[in-house]
Protein backbone atom coordinates (compact mmCIF):
# COMPACT_ATOMS: atom_id res chain seq x y z
CA MET A 1 0.80 -12.18 -24.93
CA HIS A 2 1.32 -11.44 -21.33
CA PHE A 3 2.77 -8.54 -19.35
CA ALA A 4 4.11 -8.22 -15.84
CA GLY A 5 4.46 -5.73 -13.14
CA VAL A 6 7.02 -6.23 -10.14
CA ASP A 7 6.49 -3.87 -7.08
CA VAL A 8 9.70 -3.88 -4.95
CA GLY A 9 8.60 -2.31 -1.63
CA SER A 10 10.59 -1.71 1.49
CA THR A 11 8.86 -4.59 3.41
CA THR A 12 7.33 -6.90 0.56
CA THR A 13 7.70 -7.40 -3.13
CA LYS A 14 4.88 -8.23 -5.17
CA ALA A 15 4.50 -9.38 -8.89
CA ALA A 16 1.43 -9.87 -11.20
CA VAL A 17 1.21 -11.29 -14.59
CA MET A 18 -1.75 -10.09 -16.85
CA ASP A 19 -3.04 -11.10 -20.20
CA GLU A 20 -4.34 -8.73 -23.05
CA GLY A 21 -7.68 -8.74 -21.43
CA LEU A 22 -6.10 -7.12 -18.38
CA VAL A 23 -6.82 -10.32 -16.39
CA VAL A 24 -4.44 -11.24 -13.56
CA VAL A 25 -3.43 -14.76 -14.43
CA GLY A 26 -0.73 -15.15 -11.74
CA LYS A 27 0.49 -13.19 -8.86
CA SER A 28 2.97 -13.40 -5.75
CA LEU A 29 3.99 -11.87 -2.60
CA LEU A 30 7.15 -12.19 -0.51
CA ALA A 31 9.28 -10.46 1.97
CA THR A 32 11.73 -8.25 0.28
CA GLY A 33 14.76 -8.90 2.70
CA ALA A 34 18.10 -7.78 2.11
CA ASN A 35 18.64 -8.78 -1.30
CA VAL A 36 16.29 -6.74 -3.43
CA VAL A 37 17.31 -8.22 -6.76
CA ARG A 38 16.56 -11.79 -5.59
CA ALA A 39 13.40 -10.72 -4.25
CA ALA A 40 12.23 -9.22 -7.53
CA LYS A 41 13.22 -12.22 -9.49
CA THR A 42 11.73 -14.71 -7.08
CA ALA A 43 8.39 -12.75 -6.89
CA PHE A 44 8.34 -12.90 -10.77
CA GLU A 45 9.11 -16.44 -11.02
CA GLN A 46 6.38 -17.31 -8.44
CA ALA A 47 3.77 -15.36 -10.31
CA LEU A 48 4.84 -17.08 -13.52
CA GLN A 49 4.51 -20.40 -11.99
CA GLU A 50 0.98 -19.59 -10.60
CA ALA A 51 -0.10 -18.53 -14.20
CA GLY A 52 1.46 -21.62 -15.81
CA LEU A 53 3.89 -19.61 -17.88
CA GLU A 54 7.55 -19.36 -18.69
CA GLU A 55 9.65 -16.18 -18.56
CA HIS A 56 9.69 -15.93 -22.31
CA ASP A 57 5.88 -15.93 -22.47
CA VAL A 58 6.02 -12.31 -20.88
CA VAL A 59 6.84 -9.73 -23.49
CA TYR A 60 7.12 -6.68 -21.20
CA VAL A 61 7.89 -5.99 -17.55
CA VAL A 62 7.67 -3.01 -15.57
CA GLY A 63 9.24 -2.38 -12.30
CA THR A 64 7.96 -0.24 -9.67
CA GLY A 65 8.24 0.72 -5.85
CA TYR A 66 11.34 2.07 -4.05
CA GLY A 67 13.39 -0.92 -5.62
CA ARG A 68 12.01 -0.39 -9.34
CA TYR A 69 15.63 0.12 -10.54
CA LYS A 70 16.79 -3.36 -9.05
CA VAL A 71 14.48 -5.38 -11.38
CA PRO A 72 17.23 -6.42 -13.78
CA PHE A 73 14.88 -8.16 -16.11
CA GLY A 74 12.40 -5.21 -16.43
CA HIS A 75 12.04 -3.17 -19.61
CA ALA A 76 11.05 -0.02 -17.97
CA GLN A 77 10.51 1.66 -14.44
CA VAL A 78 7.33 3.58 -13.51
CA THR A 79 6.81 5.46 -10.23
CA GLU A 80 4.70 3.72 -7.44
CA ILE A 81 2.35 6.76 -7.36
CA SER A 82 1.38 6.36 -10.85
CA CYS A 83 1.09 2.45 -10.73
CA HIS A 84 -0.91 2.49 -7.52
CA ALA A 85 -3.41 5.16 -9.20
CA LYS A 86 -3.71 2.99 -12.20
CA GLY A 87 -4.26 -0.30 -10.53
CA ALA A 88 -6.88 1.15 -8.07
CA LEU A 89 -8.67 2.44 -10.98
CA ARG A 90 -8.62 -0.91 -12.61
CA VAL A 91 -10.03 -2.54 -9.88
CA PHE A 92 -12.40 0.45 -8.60
CA PRO A 93 -13.00 2.64 -11.57
CA GLY A 94 -14.82 5.24 -9.34
CA SER A 95 -11.61 5.93 -7.20
CA ARG A 96 -10.85 9.61 -6.89
CA THR A 97 -8.85 9.50 -3.71
CA ILE A 98 -6.13 6.62 -3.00
CA LEU A 99 -4.58 6.12 0.39
CA ASP A 100 -1.51 3.65 0.26
CA ILE A 101 -0.07 2.62 3.48
CA GLY A 102 3.05 0.44 3.17
CA GLY A 103 5.83 -0.95 5.35
CA GLN A 104 7.62 2.38 5.73
CA ASP A 105 5.64 5.21 4.03
CA THR A 106 2.16 6.57 3.53
CA LYS A 107 0.99 8.14 0.19
CA ALA A 108 -2.34 10.07 -0.73
CA ILE A 109 -3.17 10.38 -4.21
CA ARG A 110 -5.86 12.30 -5.83
CA VAL A 111 -7.03 11.37 -9.53
CA SER A 112 -9.33 12.81 -12.05
CA PRO A 113 -12.35 10.84 -13.69
CA SER A 114 -9.96 10.14 -16.55
CA GLY A 115 -7.34 8.71 -14.40
CA GLU A 116 -4.90 11.68 -14.43
CA ILE A 117 -2.91 12.36 -11.29
CA ILE A 118 -4.01 15.65 -9.94
CA ASP A 119 -1.92 15.86 -6.79
CA PHE A 120 -0.30 13.65 -4.21
CA SER A 121 1.41 13.82 -0.85
CA MET A 122 3.54 11.32 0.95
CA ASN A 123 5.10 10.85 4.34
CA ASP A 124 8.48 9.30 3.84
CA LYS A 125 10.63 10.85 6.73
CA CYS A 126 9.71 8.21 9.32
CA ALA A 127 7.75 5.00 9.70
CA ALA A 128 4.96 6.79 11.93
CA GLY A 129 1.66 5.18 11.10
CA THR A 130 2.98 2.82 8.61
CA GLY A 131 3.27 -1.17 8.55
CA ARG A 132 6.53 -0.88 10.71
CA PHE A 133 4.65 1.16 13.21
CA LEU A 134 1.87 -1.47 13.49
CA GLU A 135 4.33 -4.24 13.60
CA ALA A 136 6.13 -2.47 16.63
CA CYS A 137 2.75 -2.15 18.47
CA ALA A 138 2.09 -5.76 17.81
CA GLY A 139 5.33 -6.71 19.43
CA VAL A 140 4.74 -4.77 22.59
CA MET A 141 1.27 -6.21 22.89
CA GLY A 142 2.57 -9.87 22.32
CA LEU A 143 0.46 -10.48 19.28
CA THR A 144 1.12 -11.07 15.64
CA LEU A 145 0.58 -8.37 12.97
CA GLU A 146 -2.40 -10.46 11.63
CA GLU A 147 -3.96 -10.50 15.17
CA ILE A 148 -4.10 -6.79 16.03
CA GLY A 149 -6.79 -5.65 13.77
CA PRO A 150 -9.49 -8.05 14.61
CA VAL A 151 -8.68 -7.64 18.30
CA SER A 152 -8.92 -3.91 18.00
CA LEU A 153 -12.65 -4.41 16.58
CA THR A 154 -13.66 -6.01 19.74
CA SER A 155 -12.94 -2.70 21.75
CA ALA A 156 -16.04 -0.82 23.38
CA ALA A 157 -13.93 1.95 24.98
CA PRO A 158 -10.90 2.87 22.65
CA LEU A 159 -8.20 4.78 24.37
CA ARG A 160 -6.47 7.92 23.12
CA ILE A 161 -3.10 7.30 21.75
CA THR A 162 -1.03 10.39 21.48
CA ASN A 163 2.06 9.01 19.79
CA VAL A 164 2.36 7.90 16.18
CA CYS A 165 6.03 7.60 16.37
CA THR A 166 7.40 4.00 16.26
CA VAL A 167 9.91 4.84 19.06
CA PHE A 168 7.62 6.55 21.70
CA VAL A 169 4.35 4.68 21.00
CA GLU A 170 6.10 1.33 22.69
CA GLN A 171 6.56 3.56 25.91
CA GLU A 172 2.84 4.79 25.88
CA ILE A 173 1.41 1.24 25.08
CA MET A 174 3.63 -0.01 28.08
CA SER A 175 2.27 2.64 30.16
CA HIS A 176 -1.28 1.73 29.39
CA ILE A 177 -0.56 -1.98 30.02
CA SER A 178 0.92 -1.26 33.51
CA ARG A 179 -2.35 0.61 34.30
CA GLY A 180 -4.43 -2.47 33.40
CA ARG A 181 -5.86 -1.24 30.38
CA LYS A 182 -7.50 -3.95 27.89
CA ALA A 183 -5.48 -4.86 24.80
CA GLN A 184 -8.34 -4.22 22.42
CA ASP A 185 -8.81 -0.52 23.80
CA ILE A 186 -5.07 0.18 23.35
CA LEU A 187 -5.15 -1.21 19.81
CA ARG A 188 -8.48 0.36 18.86
CA GLY A 189 -6.73 3.82 19.87
CA VAL A 190 -3.57 2.90 17.86
CA HIS A 191 -5.55 2.25 14.81
CA SER A 192 -7.61 5.48 15.33
CA ALA A 193 -4.37 7.51 15.68
CA ILE A 194 -3.10 6.29 12.27
CA ALA A 195 -6.51 7.06 10.78
CA ALA A 196 -6.30 10.51 11.97
CA ARG A 197 -2.70 11.01 10.63
CA SER A 198 -3.80 9.41 7.33
CA LEU A 199 -6.89 11.77 7.13
CA ALA A 200 -4.67 14.61 7.52
CA LEU A 201 -2.25 13.67 4.63
CA MET A 202 -5.32 13.02 2.46
CA ARG A 203 -6.59 16.51 3.12
CA ARG A 204 -3.41 17.91 1.73
CA VAL A 205 -4.47 16.64 -1.70
CA GLY A 206 -8.25 17.01 -1.27
CA ILE A 207 -10.52 14.25 -0.31
CA GLU A 208 -12.99 13.14 -3.05
CA PRO A 209 -15.17 9.96 -3.10
CA GLU A 210 -14.58 7.27 -3.81
CA VAL A 211 -11.75 6.57 -1.51
CA THR A 212 -9.62 3.36 -2.26
CA PHE A 213 -7.28 1.85 0.28
CA THR A 214 -4.12 0.09 -0.96
CA GLY A 215 -0.92 -1.39 0.49
CA GLY A 216 -0.28 -4.13 2.85
CA VAL A 217 -1.97 -2.24 5.79
CA SER A 218 -5.36 -2.42 3.83
CA ARG A 219 -5.37 -5.98 4.67
CA ASN A 220 -5.94 -4.93 8.38
CA PRO A 221 -9.66 -4.84 9.10
CA GLY A 222 -9.20 -2.67 12.15
CA MET A 223 -7.54 -0.08 10.16
CA VAL A 224 -10.26 -0.14 7.38
CA ALA A 225 -12.77 0.23 10.25
CA ALA A 226 -10.71 3.25 11.75
CA LEU A 227 -10.51 5.05 8.34
CA GLU A 228 -14.13 4.55 7.61
CA GLU A 229 -15.09 6.01 11.09
CA ARG A 230 -12.67 9.03 10.49
CA LEU A 231 -13.98 9.57 6.97
CA GLY A 232 -17.68 8.94 7.82
CA SER A 233 -17.95 6.68 4.69
CA LYS A 234 -16.89 3.42 3.12
CA VAL A 235 -13.62 2.90 1.61
CA ASN A 236 -12.73 0.63 -1.25
CA VAL A 237 -10.81 -2.61 -0.37
CA SER A 238 -10.46 -5.96 -1.99
CA PRO A 239 -8.25 -9.18 -1.80
CA LEU A 240 -6.24 -7.57 -4.62
CA SER A 241 -5.64 -4.19 -2.72
CA GLN A 242 -2.06 -5.11 -1.69
CA TYR A 243 -1.14 -5.97 -5.25
CA LEU A 244 -2.58 -2.77 -6.81
CA GLY A 245 0.81 -1.31 -7.38
CA CYS A 246 2.17 -4.36 -9.48
CA ILE A 247 -1.08 -4.59 -11.16
CA GLY A 248 -0.80 -0.97 -12.41
CA ALA A 249 2.83 -1.63 -13.45
CA ALA A 250 1.51 -4.57 -15.62
CA MET A 251 -1.07 -2.51 -17.17
CA PHE A 252 1.66 0.13 -18.05
CA ALA A 253 3.81 -2.86 -19.40
CA LEU A 254 0.91 -3.51 -21.78
CA GLU A 255 0.74 0.06 -22.90
CA ARG A 256 4.42 0.24 -23.48
CA ALA A 257 4.39 -3.07 -25.41
CA GLN A 258 1.69 -1.82 -27.64
CA GLY A 259 3.47 1.56 -28.29
CA ALA A 260 1.03 3.71 -26.23
CA ALA A 261 2.28 6.93 -24.85
CA PRO A 262 4.25 6.87 -21.80
CA PRO A 263 2.49 7.75 -18.55
CA ARG A 264 1.97 11.33 -18.16
CA PRO A 265 4.14 13.20 -15.65
CA LEU A 266 2.80 13.75 -12.20
CA VAL A 267 0.81 16.94 -12.02
CA GLY A 268 0.74 19.10 -8.92
CA GLU A 269 3.29 19.73 -6.26
CA LEU A 270 5.01 16.84 -4.26
CA HIS A 271 4.27 17.41 -0.60
CA ILE A 272 6.68 15.72 1.63
CA VAL A 273 5.51 15.44 5.19
CA GLY A 274 8.20 14.62 7.74
CA GLY A 275 8.72 14.49 11.56
CA HIS A 276 6.48 12.58 14.11
């Protein structure tokens, strides 16, 4: 039997198909776009194709992410907080603190050794310090989103960036460019500013090693380096880091199909961090 998770995010939609041994046999990633339902279905179909399976081979599907209720073929929906925690623990069993930076929000999650969510905090009031923020910075610098991380790593004298607001950071970057500042020094400063903001969010839930980095921004080596510098320790990342939400959803699908107890309610107060 096979099980699937579909993570419909604000920027990208991911899907993963797993077998009973919790092995990922197929996965996919695509831009969400304006049609959320279509994105969910297409991602699922592409994951099935990679796995060499048909839709009827999957016995249970769980939707997650902000668009989890827009997965019409899904049997259940589970919050992305629970799914990212479960996926992170699957790939990195020692995870205790999880940082998820997506297209438009950032989440910090703390879990117990048994995998129970102890507390979580999120910034969903603006796109400050998220993938959208980095995309805006890349645009001002005339670079692609994929280029800015490696470029930032070549900096020997990072600049201090005071803004993490998507609107105002463009003005600050333009000011640095007009003064002849190097692109790598500007970008190193940008990544360091995001890392500082992320660290503050993580401290709200309590930072315990190991720290696991999930979401699309985890693919950025400059962001990984900036986080490790701020933390003073390594963070867990893998080629599957962007898929941990849908992997966790697929694991919940297996549990639901086998009649396991539903995921425990989130423990702890929800901290919403707003403003710039």
